[in-house]
Protein backbone atom coordinates (compact mmCIF):
# COMPACT_ATOMS: atom_id res chain seq x y z
CA MET A 1 15.16 30.33 12.49
CA SER A 2 12.20 31.71 10.53
CA THR A 3 12.20 35.50 10.62
CA SER A 4 10.93 36.79 7.26
CA VAL A 5 7.33 37.51 6.38
CA ILE A 6 5.73 34.68 4.40
CA GLU A 7 2.94 35.61 2.01
CA PRO A 8 1.57 34.51 -1.39
CA GLY A 9 4.18 35.07 -4.08
CA THR A 10 7.11 34.47 -1.75
CA ARG A 11 9.90 32.34 -3.29
CA LEU A 12 11.83 29.96 -1.08
CA ALA A 13 15.28 28.74 -2.12
CA GLY A 14 14.77 30.69 -5.33
CA ARG A 15 12.44 28.02 -6.77
CA TYR A 16 9.36 27.33 -4.62
CA ARG A 17 6.73 30.02 -5.28
CA LEU A 18 4.00 30.02 -2.62
CA GLU A 19 0.55 30.37 -4.18
CA GLU A 20 -2.17 29.55 -1.68
CA ARG A 21 -2.23 29.02 2.08
CA PHE A 22 -4.33 26.06 3.13
CA SER A 23 -3.87 26.13 6.87
CA ASP A 24 -2.28 28.27 9.51
CA SER A 25 -2.29 26.76 12.96
CA GLY A 26 -0.04 25.35 15.61
CA GLY A 27 2.92 27.48 14.61
CA SER A 28 3.17 26.36 10.99
CA SER A 29 1.43 27.01 7.68
CA LEU A 30 0.70 24.72 4.78
CA TRP A 31 0.85 26.08 1.24
CA LYS A 32 0.23 25.01 -2.29
CA ALA A 33 3.31 26.08 -4.22
CA ILE A 34 4.99 25.68 -7.59
CA ASP A 35 8.46 24.28 -8.03
CA GLU A 36 9.54 26.64 -10.80
CA ILE A 37 12.55 24.55 -11.79
CA LEU A 38 10.61 21.31 -12.31
CA ALA A 39 7.32 23.04 -13.18
CA ARG A 40 5.19 21.01 -10.79
CA ALA A 41 2.88 21.61 -7.86
CA VAL A 42 4.27 20.86 -4.42
CA ALA A 43 3.16 21.24 -0.82
CA VAL A 44 5.27 23.55 1.35
CA ARG A 45 5.24 23.78 5.14
CA THR A 46 6.54 27.02 6.64
CA PHE A 47 7.01 27.89 10.29
CA ASP A 48 6.33 30.84 12.57
CA PRO A 49 9.46 32.32 14.21
CA GLU A 50 8.11 31.30 17.62
CA PHE A 51 7.56 27.64 16.72
CA PRO A 52 9.77 25.80 19.24
CA ARG A 53 10.61 22.67 17.22
CA ILE A 54 11.68 23.99 13.81
CA ALA A 55 15.01 22.14 13.76
CA GLU A 56 13.35 18.94 14.93
CA ALA A 57 10.62 19.24 12.26
CA VAL A 58 13.17 19.73 9.49
CA THR A 59 15.25 16.81 10.76
CA SER A 60 12.20 14.52 10.85
CA ALA A 61 11.29 15.55 7.30
CA ARG A 62 14.79 14.72 6.11
CA SER A 63 14.47 11.31 7.74
CA ALA A 64 11.12 10.77 6.01
CA SER A 65 12.68 11.69 2.66
CA ARG A 66 14.70 8.46 2.81
CA LEU A 67 11.61 6.29 2.77
CA THR A 68 11.16 4.55 -0.58
CA ASP A 69 7.71 3.04 -0.12
CA PRO A 70 5.51 4.79 -2.72
CA ARG A 71 2.55 4.68 -0.34
CA VAL A 72 4.26 7.21 1.94
CA THR A 73 4.11 10.83 0.82
CA GLN A 74 7.50 11.78 -0.57
CA VAL A 75 9.54 14.61 0.94
CA PHE A 76 11.54 16.54 -1.66
CA ASP A 77 13.36 19.20 0.34
CA ALA A 78 13.77 20.50 3.89
CA ASP A 79 15.93 23.37 5.12
CA ASP A 80 16.29 25.61 8.16
CA SER A 81 19.59 27.31 7.34
CA GLY A 82 18.10 30.50 5.89
CA GLU A 83 15.71 33.17 7.09
CA SER A 84 12.68 30.94 6.50
CA ALA A 85 12.65 27.24 7.34
CA TYR A 86 10.51 25.06 5.11
CA VAL A 87 9.63 21.49 4.17
CA VAL A 88 8.64 20.59 0.60
CA SER A 89 6.70 17.43 -0.23
CA GLU A 90 4.72 15.95 -3.08
CA TRP A 91 1.31 17.37 -3.85
CA VAL A 92 -1.32 14.72 -3.09
CA ALA A 93 -4.79 15.10 -4.54
CA GLY A 94 -7.61 12.73 -3.69
CA GLU A 95 -10.03 11.75 -0.96
CA THR A 96 -9.27 10.84 2.63
CA LEU A 97 -10.65 7.74 4.28
CA GLU A 98 -12.80 10.05 6.41
CA GLY A 99 -14.24 11.61 3.26
CA MET A 100 -15.01 8.18 1.81
CA LEU A 101 -16.99 7.28 4.93
CA GLY A 102 -19.25 10.33 4.79
CA LYS A 103 -22.27 8.30 3.66
CA ALA A 104 -21.65 4.70 4.68
CA PRO A 105 -18.94 2.22 5.66
CA LEU A 106 -16.80 0.49 3.07
CA GLU A 107 -17.44 -3.08 1.98
CA PRO A 108 -15.29 -5.21 4.36
CA GLY A 109 -13.06 -6.65 1.63
CA ARG A 110 -12.21 -3.18 0.38
CA ALA A 111 -11.65 -1.86 3.88
CA ALA A 112 -9.20 -4.73 4.40
CA THR A 113 -7.44 -3.85 1.13
CA LEU A 114 -6.96 -0.20 2.10
CA LEU A 115 -5.64 -0.98 5.56
CA TYR A 116 -3.46 -3.81 4.30
CA GLU A 117 -1.69 -1.30 2.07
CA ALA A 118 -1.47 1.22 4.92
CA SER A 119 -0.11 -1.39 7.34
CA GLU A 120 2.61 -2.42 4.90
CA ALA A 121 3.60 1.22 4.39
CA ILE A 122 3.82 1.88 8.15
CA ALA A 123 5.73 -1.39 8.58
CA ALA A 124 8.25 -0.14 6.00
CA ALA A 125 8.60 3.11 7.95
CA HIS A 126 9.19 1.19 11.21
CA ALA A 127 11.84 -0.91 9.47
CA ALA A 128 13.62 2.39 8.72
CA GLY A 129 13.31 3.53 12.33
CA LEU A 130 10.40 5.94 11.78
CA SER A 131 6.81 5.99 13.00
CA HIS A 132 3.64 8.07 12.78
CA LEU A 133 1.97 8.11 16.23
CA CYS A 134 -0.99 10.28 15.09
CA LEU A 135 -2.89 8.09 12.61
CA THR A 136 -6.49 9.07 11.86
CA PRO A 137 -8.87 8.62 8.89
CA ARG A 138 -7.54 11.93 7.57
CA ASP A 139 -4.08 10.46 7.06
CA LEU A 140 -5.07 7.77 4.53
CA VAL A 141 -5.70 9.23 1.08
CA TRP A 142 -7.07 7.47 -1.96
CA THR A 143 -5.49 9.57 -4.68
CA THR A 144 -6.94 10.63 -8.00
CA GLY A 145 -3.99 8.85 -9.60
CA GLY A 146 -5.14 5.49 -8.28
CA THR A 147 -2.81 4.98 -5.32
CA VAL A 148 -2.96 4.88 -1.55
CA LYS A 149 -0.97 7.56 0.29
CA LEU A 150 -0.22 7.92 3.99
CA LEU A 151 0.35 11.41 5.30
CA GLY A 152 2.55 12.65 8.11
CA VAL A 153 4.96 9.75 8.68
CA ALA A 154 7.72 10.98 11.02
CA THR A 155 6.61 14.62 10.81
CA ASP A 156 3.17 14.78 12.44
CA ALA A 157 4.50 13.53 15.77
CA VAL A 158 6.99 16.41 15.87
CA LEU A 159 4.45 19.08 14.95
CA THR A 160 2.03 17.87 17.62
CA ASP A 161 4.80 17.13 20.13
CA ARG A 162 3.76 13.49 20.37
CA HIS A 163 6.11 10.93 21.94
CA SER A 164 5.81 7.22 22.62
CA GLU A 165 7.68 4.52 24.52
CA ASP A 166 6.18 1.88 22.19
CA PRO A 167 5.75 3.40 18.69
CA ALA A 168 4.88 0.05 17.12
CA ALA A 169 1.97 -0.54 19.51
CA ASP A 170 0.73 3.04 19.07
CA ASP A 171 0.74 2.76 15.28
CA VAL A 172 -1.02 -0.63 15.41
CA ARG A 173 -3.76 1.01 17.49
CA GLY A 174 -3.95 3.87 15.00
CA LEU A 175 -4.26 1.48 12.07
CA GLY A 176 -6.82 -0.58 13.98
CA ARG A 177 -8.94 2.51 14.62
CA MET A 178 -8.79 3.36 10.92
CA LEU A 179 -9.89 -0.17 10.02
CA TYR A 180 -12.71 0.08 12.58
CA ALA A 181 -13.79 3.35 10.98
CA ALA A 182 -13.62 1.89 7.46
CA LEU A 183 -15.84 -1.04 8.50
CA THR A 184 -18.39 0.88 10.56
CA ALA A 185 -18.16 4.59 9.64
CA HIS A 186 -17.70 5.26 13.37
CA TRP A 187 -14.54 6.53 15.05
CA PRO A 188 -13.26 4.68 18.16
CA GLY A 189 -10.55 7.22 19.01
CA ASP A 190 -10.22 10.64 20.60
CA GLU A 191 -12.72 13.34 19.68
CA ASP A 192 -10.20 15.41 17.75
CA GLY A 193 -9.19 12.48 15.54
CA SER A 194 -12.24 12.49 13.27
CA GLU A 195 -15.61 14.08 12.62
CA LEU A 196 -17.18 10.64 12.14
CA PRO A 197 -19.77 9.61 14.72
CA ALA A 198 -18.27 8.25 17.91
CA ALA A 199 -18.11 4.47 18.15
CA PRO A 200 -20.61 2.96 20.59
CA ALA A 201 -18.78 1.98 23.76
CA ALA A 202 -19.30 0.41 27.16
CA ASP A 203 -17.12 1.53 30.08
CA GLY A 204 -14.84 3.32 27.65
CA VAL A 205 -14.25 0.23 25.47
CA PRO A 206 -15.64 0.39 21.91
CA HIS A 207 -18.10 -2.27 20.84
CA ALA A 208 -16.63 -4.82 18.45
CA PRO A 209 -17.22 -3.90 14.77
CA ARG A 210 -19.69 -6.79 14.28
CA GLN A 211 -21.88 -5.26 16.99
CA VAL A 212 -21.97 -1.96 15.10
CA GLN A 213 -22.23 -3.00 11.45
CA ALA A 214 -23.70 -6.11 9.82
CA GLY A 215 -21.79 -8.20 7.30
CA ILE A 216 -18.34 -8.14 8.92
CA SER A 217 -16.65 -11.54 9.10
CA HIS A 218 -15.43 -13.01 12.38
CA ALA A 219 -11.87 -13.00 11.03
CA ILE A 220 -11.62 -9.29 10.31
CA ASP A 221 -13.58 -8.45 13.46
CA ALA A 222 -11.01 -10.40 15.48
CA ILE A 223 -8.16 -8.47 13.84
CA VAL A 224 -9.69 -5.12 14.82
CA CYS A 225 -10.28 -6.33 18.36
CA ARG A 226 -6.65 -7.45 18.65
CA CYS A 227 -5.50 -4.00 17.50
CA LEU A 228 -7.67 -2.12 19.98
CA GLY A 229 -7.49 -4.46 22.98
CA ILE A 230 -11.15 -5.43 22.77
CA GLY A 231 -11.61 -8.83 24.40
CA GLN A 232 -8.98 -11.25 25.66
CA ALA A 233 -7.16 -12.17 22.43
CA GLU A 234 -3.41 -11.55 22.18
CA PRO A 235 -2.76 -8.03 20.86
CA LEU A 236 -1.01 -7.45 17.57
CA ALA A 237 2.39 -6.00 18.39
CA THR A 238 3.61 -4.35 15.18
CA PRO A 239 2.28 -2.96 11.89
CA ALA A 240 4.00 -5.88 10.15
CA ASP A 241 1.95 -8.28 12.29
CA LEU A 242 -1.22 -6.45 11.27
CA ALA A 243 -0.28 -6.62 7.58
CA LYS A 244 0.34 -10.36 7.94
CA ALA A 245 -3.04 -10.85 9.61
CA LEU A 246 -4.86 -8.85 6.91
CA ARG A 247 -3.09 -10.91 4.25
CA GLY A 248 -5.06 -13.89 5.52
CA VAL A 249 -8.57 -12.40 5.18
CA PRO A 250 -10.56 -11.93 1.96
CA ARG A 251 -9.61 -8.69 0.24
CA THR A 252 -11.34 -7.29 -2.82
CA PRO A 253 -10.04 -4.77 -5.36
CA LEU A 254 -10.93 -1.16 -4.88
CA PRO A 255 -13.60 -0.01 -7.36
CA LEU A 256 -13.07 2.48 -10.14
CA PHE A 257 -15.22 5.06 -8.36
CA ALA A 258 -15.19 5.83 -4.67
CA GLY A 259 -18.95 5.50 -4.30
CA LEU A 260 -18.87 1.86 -5.32
CA GLY A 261 -16.82 1.05 -2.27
CA HIS A 262 -19.71 1.55 0.12
CA THR A 263 -22.31 -0.90 1.20
CA SER A 264 -25.67 0.02 -0.25
CA PRO A 265 -27.98 0.45 1.42
CA ALA A 266 -26.20 0.66 4.74
CA PRO A 267 -27.81 -1.54 7.43
CA PRO A 268 -29.15 0.29 10.48
CA ARG A 269 -26.47 1.08 13.04
CA PRO A 270 -26.79 1.70 16.76
CA ALA A 271 -27.21 5.40 17.37
CA ALA A 272 -24.07 7.22 18.40
CA PRO A 273 -23.72 10.91 19.21
CA ARG A 274 -21.98 13.05 16.60
CA ARG A 275 -19.54 15.47 18.06
CA PRO A 276 -20.39 19.07 17.23
CA ALA A 277 -17.86 21.05 15.23
CA THR A 278 -16.18 23.95 16.96
CA PRO A 279 -17.31 27.41 15.85
CA SER A 280 -14.08 27.89 13.90
CA THR A 281 -14.62 24.81 11.74
CA SER A 282 -17.85 25.52 9.98
CA ALA A 283 -19.03 22.85 7.57
CA THR A 284 -19.20 25.48 4.87
CA THR A 285 -15.47 26.17 5.01
CA GLN A 286 -13.80 25.09 1.75
CA PRO A 287 -10.21 23.84 1.58
CA HIS A 288 -9.31 26.57 -0.90
CA GLN A 289 -10.50 29.46 1.28
CA PRO A 290 -7.59 30.61 3.45
CA PRO A 291 -7.00 30.73 6.24
CA ALA A 292 -8.86 27.61 7.31
CA PRO A 293 -8.11 24.68 9.55
CA GLU A 294 -7.07 21.60 7.65
CA PRO A 295 -10.10 19.88 6.15
CA PRO A 296 -10.45 16.12 6.35
CA ALA A 297 -9.93 15.31 2.71
CA ALA A 298 -6.83 14.35 0.82
CA SER A 299 -3.53 15.89 1.18
CA HIS A 300 0.10 16.58 1.12
CA VAL A 301 2.86 16.07 3.46
CA PRO A 302 5.63 15.98 5.21
CA PRO A 303 3.12 18.20 6.66
CA PRO A 304 2.65 17.85 10.23
CA ARG A 305 -0.35 19.25 11.73
CA ALA A 306 -0.91 20.75 15.12
CA ARG A 307 -3.44 19.41 17.56
CA ALA A 308 -5.87 22.14 16.55
CA GLN A 309 -5.95 20.69 13.07
CA ARG A 310 -7.73 17.63 14.36
CA HIS A 311 -10.94 19.63 14.61
CA ALA A 312 -11.45 19.81 10.89
CA ALA A 313 -14.88 20.31 9.45
CA PRO A 314 -16.61 17.30 7.93
CA PRO A 315 -16.21 16.97 4.17
CA PRO A 316 -18.64 19.11 2.17
CA PRO A 317 -21.19 17.35 -0.01
CA PRO A 318 -20.10 16.54 -3.57
CA SER A 319 -22.07 19.46 -4.98
CA THR A 320 -20.15 22.11 -3.04
CA SER A 321 -16.92 21.85 -4.95
CA THR A 322 -14.94 19.69 -7.31
CA ARG A 323 -11.66 21.42 -6.74
CA THR A 324 -8.59 19.40 -5.86
CA ALA A 325 -6.65 20.49 -2.80
CA ALA A 326 -3.44 19.42 -1.24
CA ALA A 327 -1.15 19.12 1.64
CA HIS A 328 -0.90 17.03 4.67
CA GLY A 329 -4.30 16.75 6.20
CA HIS A 330 -5.78 18.55 3.16
CA ALA A 331 -7.41 17.36 0.12
CA ALA A 332 -10.01 17.75 -2.44
CA PRO A 333 -13.58 17.88 -1.26
CA LYS A 334 -15.43 14.66 -1.61
CA ARG A 335 -16.38 13.78 -5.20
CA PRO A 336 -19.10 11.50 -6.43
CA ALA A 337 -16.85 9.92 -9.02
CA ASN A 338 -13.31 9.94 -7.69
CA ARG A 339 -11.26 7.57 -9.84
CA ALA A 340 -9.02 5.19 -8.08
CA LEU A 341 -7.38 1.89 -8.63
CA LEU A 342 -5.38 0.86 -5.63
CA GLY A 343 -1.87 1.10 -6.86
CA VAL A 344 1.65 1.35 -5.87
CA ALA A 345 4.62 1.90 -8.11
CA ALA A 346 7.62 -0.29 -7.59
CA ALA A 347 10.82 -2.09 -8.14
CA ALA A 348 14.54 -2.33 -7.50
CA LEU A 349 16.50 -5.10 -9.13
CA THR A 350 16.77 -7.88 -6.54
CA VAL A 351 19.81 -10.06 -6.26
CA ILE A 352 18.36 -13.50 -6.59
CA VAL A 353 19.98 -16.31 -4.71
CA GLY A 354 18.89 -19.87 -5.27
CA LEU A 355 19.95 -22.76 -3.07
CA GLY A 356 19.27 -26.44 -2.97
CA ALA A 357 19.53 -29.62 -4.91
CA TRP A 358 17.55 -30.90 -7.86
CA ALA A 359 15.28 -33.92 -7.72
CA LEU A 360 12.97 -35.69 -10.10
CA PHE A 361 9.39 -36.78 -9.48
CA PRO A 362 7.47 -39.04 -11.90
CA ASP A 363 4.66 -37.14 -13.63
CA LYS A 364 1.77 -39.44 -12.70
CA SER A 365 -1.84 -38.45 -12.31
CA ASP A 366 -2.18 -40.80 -9.33
CA ASP A 367 0.27 -39.45 -6.79
CA SER A 368 -0.86 -42.01 -4.24
CA LYS A 369 1.09 -44.70 -6.12
CA GLY A 370 4.36 -43.08 -5.21
CA GLY A 371 6.71 -40.56 -6.61
CA GLY A 372 9.74 -40.35 -4.40
CA VAL A 373 12.98 -38.80 -5.49
CA THR A 374 14.44 -40.52 -8.54
CA ASP A 375 18.14 -41.26 -8.25
CA LYS A 376 20.21 -39.29 -10.73
CA GLY A 377 21.64 -42.49 -12.17
CA GLN A 378 18.32 -44.25 -12.67
CA THR A 379 15.73 -43.94 -15.41
CA SER A 380 12.61 -45.90 -16.22
CA ALA A 381 12.41 -44.74 -19.84
CA PRO A 382 13.64 -47.40 -22.26
CA SER A 383 14.92 -45.11 -25.04
CA THR A 384 13.78 -41.48 -24.92
CA PRO A 385 14.13 -39.23 -21.86
CA SER A 386 10.92 -39.23 -19.81
CA VAL A 387 9.18 -35.99 -18.95
CA ALA A 388 8.97 -35.73 -15.18
CA LYS A 389 8.06 -33.14 -12.60
CA LEU A 390 11.15 -31.30 -11.44
CA ASN A 391 11.44 -30.54 -7.77
CA VAL A 392 12.11 -26.82 -7.29
CA GLN A 393 14.57 -26.21 -4.49
CA GLY A 394 14.90 -22.43 -4.48
CA ILE A 395 12.45 -19.69 -5.39
CA ASN A 396 13.03 -15.95 -5.34
CA PRO A 397 11.33 -12.75 -6.50
CA ALA A 398 12.36 -11.56 -9.95
CA GLN A 399 11.93 -8.14 -11.48
CA GLN A 400 13.42 -5.98 -14.19
CA SER A 401 12.70 -2.47 -13.04
CA ARG A 402 13.94 1.01 -12.42
CA PRO A 403 16.65 0.87 -9.73
CA ASP A 404 15.01 3.66 -7.69
CA HIS A 405 11.84 1.71 -6.96
CA GLN A 406 10.99 -1.51 -5.22
CA ASP A 407 7.89 -3.70 -5.36
CA THR A 408 7.33 -4.48 -1.70
CA ALA A 409 4.92 -7.34 -2.33
CA ILE A 410 6.64 -9.80 -4.67
CA GLY A 411 8.95 -11.24 -2.02
CA LYS A 412 6.02 -12.52 0.02
CA GLY A 413 4.16 -15.79 -0.31
CA LEU A 414 6.87 -17.50 -2.37
CA ASN A 415 6.52 -20.77 -0.48
CA THR A 416 2.86 -21.04 -1.54
CA LEU A 417 3.92 -21.44 -5.17
CA ILE A 418 5.43 -24.90 -4.66
CA ASP A 419 3.40 -26.29 -1.77
CA GLY A 420 1.25 -28.63 -3.89
CA ARG A 421 -1.91 -26.52 -3.64
CA ALA A 422 -3.33 -24.64 -6.62
CA GLY A 423 -4.34 -21.54 -4.67
CA GLY A 424 -1.16 -19.68 -3.81
CA GLY A 425 -0.73 -16.37 -2.03
CA TRP A 426 1.87 -14.66 -4.23
CA GLU A 427 1.01 -11.30 -5.78
CA THR A 428 2.49 -8.04 -6.96
CA GLN A 429 1.47 -4.62 -5.76
CA SER A 430 -1.24 -2.78 -7.63
CA TYR A 431 -0.20 -0.50 -10.49
CA HIS A 432 -1.76 2.28 -12.50
CA GLY A 433 -1.78 0.44 -15.83
CA ALA A 434 -0.94 -2.92 -17.40
CA ASP A 435 2.61 -1.68 -18.11
CA PHE A 436 3.43 -1.46 -14.37
CA GLY A 437 2.97 2.31 -14.51
CA ASN A 438 6.25 2.47 -16.48
CA TYR A 439 8.14 1.35 -13.38
CA SER A 440 9.01 -2.14 -14.59
CA LYS A 441 9.27 -4.41 -17.62
CA GLY A 442 8.25 -7.51 -15.72
CA LEU A 443 7.57 -8.95 -12.27
CA GLY A 444 7.50 -12.58 -11.22
CA VAL A 445 9.47 -15.39 -9.61
CA LEU A 446 12.74 -17.16 -10.42
CA LEU A 447 12.88 -20.92 -9.76
CA ASP A 448 16.26 -22.51 -9.06
CA MET A 449 16.38 -26.15 -10.20
CA GLY A 450 19.75 -26.74 -8.49
CA LYS A 451 21.61 -27.59 -11.73
CA PRO A 452 20.95 -27.36 -15.48
CA VAL A 453 17.89 -29.36 -16.55
CA LYS A 454 15.92 -29.77 -19.76
CA ILE A 455 12.54 -28.00 -19.54
CA ALA A 456 9.59 -29.43 -21.49
CA ASN A 457 6.70 -27.38 -20.09
CA VAL A 458 5.60 -25.31 -17.11
CA LYS A 459 2.12 -25.57 -15.60
CA ILE A 460 0.96 -22.42 -13.84
CA HIS A 461 -2.14 -21.72 -11.75
CA SER A 462 -3.09 -18.05 -11.83
CA PRO A 463 -6.35 -16.74 -10.31
CA VAL A 464 -6.42 -13.69 -12.58
CA SER A 465 -7.68 -13.19 -16.12
CA GLY A 466 -5.87 -11.04 -18.63
CA GLY A 467 -2.35 -9.74 -19.03
CA THR A 468 0.58 -11.83 -20.23
CA LEU A 469 2.53 -14.56 -18.41
CA GLN A 470 5.93 -15.42 -19.88
CA VAL A 471 8.38 -18.25 -19.14
CA LYS A 472 12.13 -17.81 -19.65
CA VAL A 473 14.91 -20.38 -19.12
CA GLY A 474 18.69 -20.14 -18.80
CA ASP A 475 21.72 -20.27 -16.56
CA SER A 476 21.70 -16.63 -15.42
CA GLN A 477 19.91 -15.12 -12.46
CA SER A 478 19.33 -11.92 -14.43
CA PRO A 479 15.88 -11.81 -16.15
CA GLY A 480 17.34 -9.99 -19.13
CA ASP A 481 19.82 -12.80 -19.85
CA LEU A 482 17.26 -15.64 -19.91
CA LYS A 483 15.73 -17.03 -23.12
CA PRO A 484 11.93 -16.74 -23.63
CA VAL A 485 10.31 -20.13 -24.34
CA GLY A 486 6.63 -19.12 -24.46
CA GLU A 487 3.87 -16.91 -23.11
CA GLN A 488 0.09 -17.00 -22.61
CA THR A 489 -2.78 -14.90 -21.31
CA PRO A 490 -4.10 -16.17 -17.93
CA THR A 491 -7.77 -17.15 -17.85
CA GLY A 492 -8.29 -17.58 -14.12
CA GLY A 493 -7.16 -21.21 -13.89
CA GLU A 494 -4.33 -23.49 -14.96
CA LEU A 495 -2.34 -22.86 -18.11
CA THR A 496 0.58 -24.77 -19.65
CA ILE A 497 3.46 -23.04 -21.43
CA THR A 498 5.39 -25.51 -23.58
CA ALA A 499 9.03 -25.11 -24.58
CA ASN A 500 9.29 -26.24 -28.20
CA PRO A 501 12.02 -27.28 -28.62
CA GLN A 502 12.89 -28.12 -25.06
CA ALA A 503 15.12 -25.53 -23.35
CA THR A 504 18.02 -26.21 -21.01
CA GLY A 505 19.02 -24.17 -18.02
CA ARG A 506 19.25 -24.03 -14.24
CA TYR A 507 16.80 -21.17 -13.76
CA VAL A 508 13.15 -20.90 -14.82
CA LEU A 509 11.55 -17.44 -14.75
CA VAL A 510 7.75 -17.16 -14.53
CA TRP A 511 6.67 -13.55 -14.70
CA PHE A 512 4.07 -11.06 -15.86
CA THR A 513 5.19 -8.88 -18.75
CA GLN A 514 1.72 -7.27 -18.80
CA LEU A 515 -0.61 -7.04 -15.83
CA PRO A 516 -4.29 -8.04 -15.83
CA GLY A 517 -6.70 -5.20 -15.12
CA GLY A 518 -9.11 -4.46 -12.29
CA PRO A 519 -6.87 -3.59 -10.44
CA PHE A 520 -3.60 -3.95 -12.32
CA LYS A 521 -2.04 -6.63 -10.15
CA GLY A 522 -0.43 -10.00 -10.92
CA ARG A 523 -1.22 -13.13 -8.88
CA LEU A 524 0.17 -16.66 -9.05
CA GLY A 525 -0.81 -19.98 -7.52
CA GLU A 526 1.01 -23.31 -7.88
CA ILE A 527 3.88 -23.62 -10.39
CA ALA A 528 5.06 -27.04 -11.62
CA VAL A 529 8.05 -27.50 -13.94
CA TYR A 530 8.27 -30.64 -16.12
CA GLY A 531 11.29 -31.98 -18.00
CA SER A 532 14.29 -34.23 -17.61
CA ALA A 533 17.90 -34.17 -16.44
CA GLY A 534 19.92 -31.81 -18.61
């Protein structure tokens, strides 16, 4: 139970020194604070003694602290055993999706990229039994460190007393509304969800995005409609379903500066009434002037925000301030040059299991002449072993990383690497630097040949340019135990890494040891291994 007076300078748990109050509404306050032990800025949520759900809020924050997806704001500490209950989370500085849309919608490919990352993060939360239930454009932050952050997972619903019989469907609708907003710069949700103009609607149903903004493809328009129940198409049921759907539409890297993400000039849009701000949320209110309702720019969490917080003032123009703010539902005012490369840190060492048999296919340029499985006891070469295409039977993600992180992307799209088509769908997450943001030494895929074979060369299609692709061979499933046989820099097409002399082993590792830039993300297409029986 919170009973003591909370003011600037107060120390909680003997280490968190409160410095500046950013909001005070709904029975809780959000502060910028300093963790004096670790010498870092943090966001701290404190509670009024009369707040009825203190224990529930602390419990939800503790649950959120177990989430490992780096796109979800990290909770560091939560306690209600003393005189003052509190929740401590990472300090997030950047620009909210709502702030990015202040002038114009995002280019569709970039909107898809942002919401793809958000959908995967929410899907990870659902897999852990948690949800959001209150998603708005203020909850998606493009940080100054070049990452996407989602605010309020598990905690916002408690602070606003929000409940749901179908959390997955509610979060899909929330993500769909955010994607609608990103594409059109209009908000199709409740009035208190955003200060963006209301989406044009007929009989309470928003117009499809293509009716509001030019240049949106049918594919992404259909995804939004399935999220929001526009039309007769089958609804998307879960955030994971939405992420899968967005994986199939064109997505483009986020630009270095926020302003480059907008269409320019923006095509005319149907007029829609802008909801007036309430008297208490003047547009001149700055995030650093306490006490003020939570502004719509970037933020910090575990921070829940009360319903009153939804009436935040629209972001001030870039000239009003360049100060960085924090805390759930808070953030720096909009900047004209806010750096950001979509990124996510990653990686926990994956146990790689490979199954299947090994088969041999003749390496002929004319596949139409045949190329069935060659019997292990047969050979057409008169004297020297022939080099043939080896049939990969098992393929798994491979990474050598810090054990406290996990790349959530590299396990997806593995089947596209050996399906006979050059354009595969395998990729890593985005990182803040070619060195994986110091989270990993390498990310890629491990091919299981079924038994030891002799490797002559590996042909790799990669749609990226830059970085370093390395091939390693051996009989261990651990990347560190395999022997390097060659490496090259991808040039956006096919490259061949030759083992000279030929290397023998059951496993072939193809991985990035340095990432290409813009953003820092590795991508692979078809992989073909050539050699002979070991």
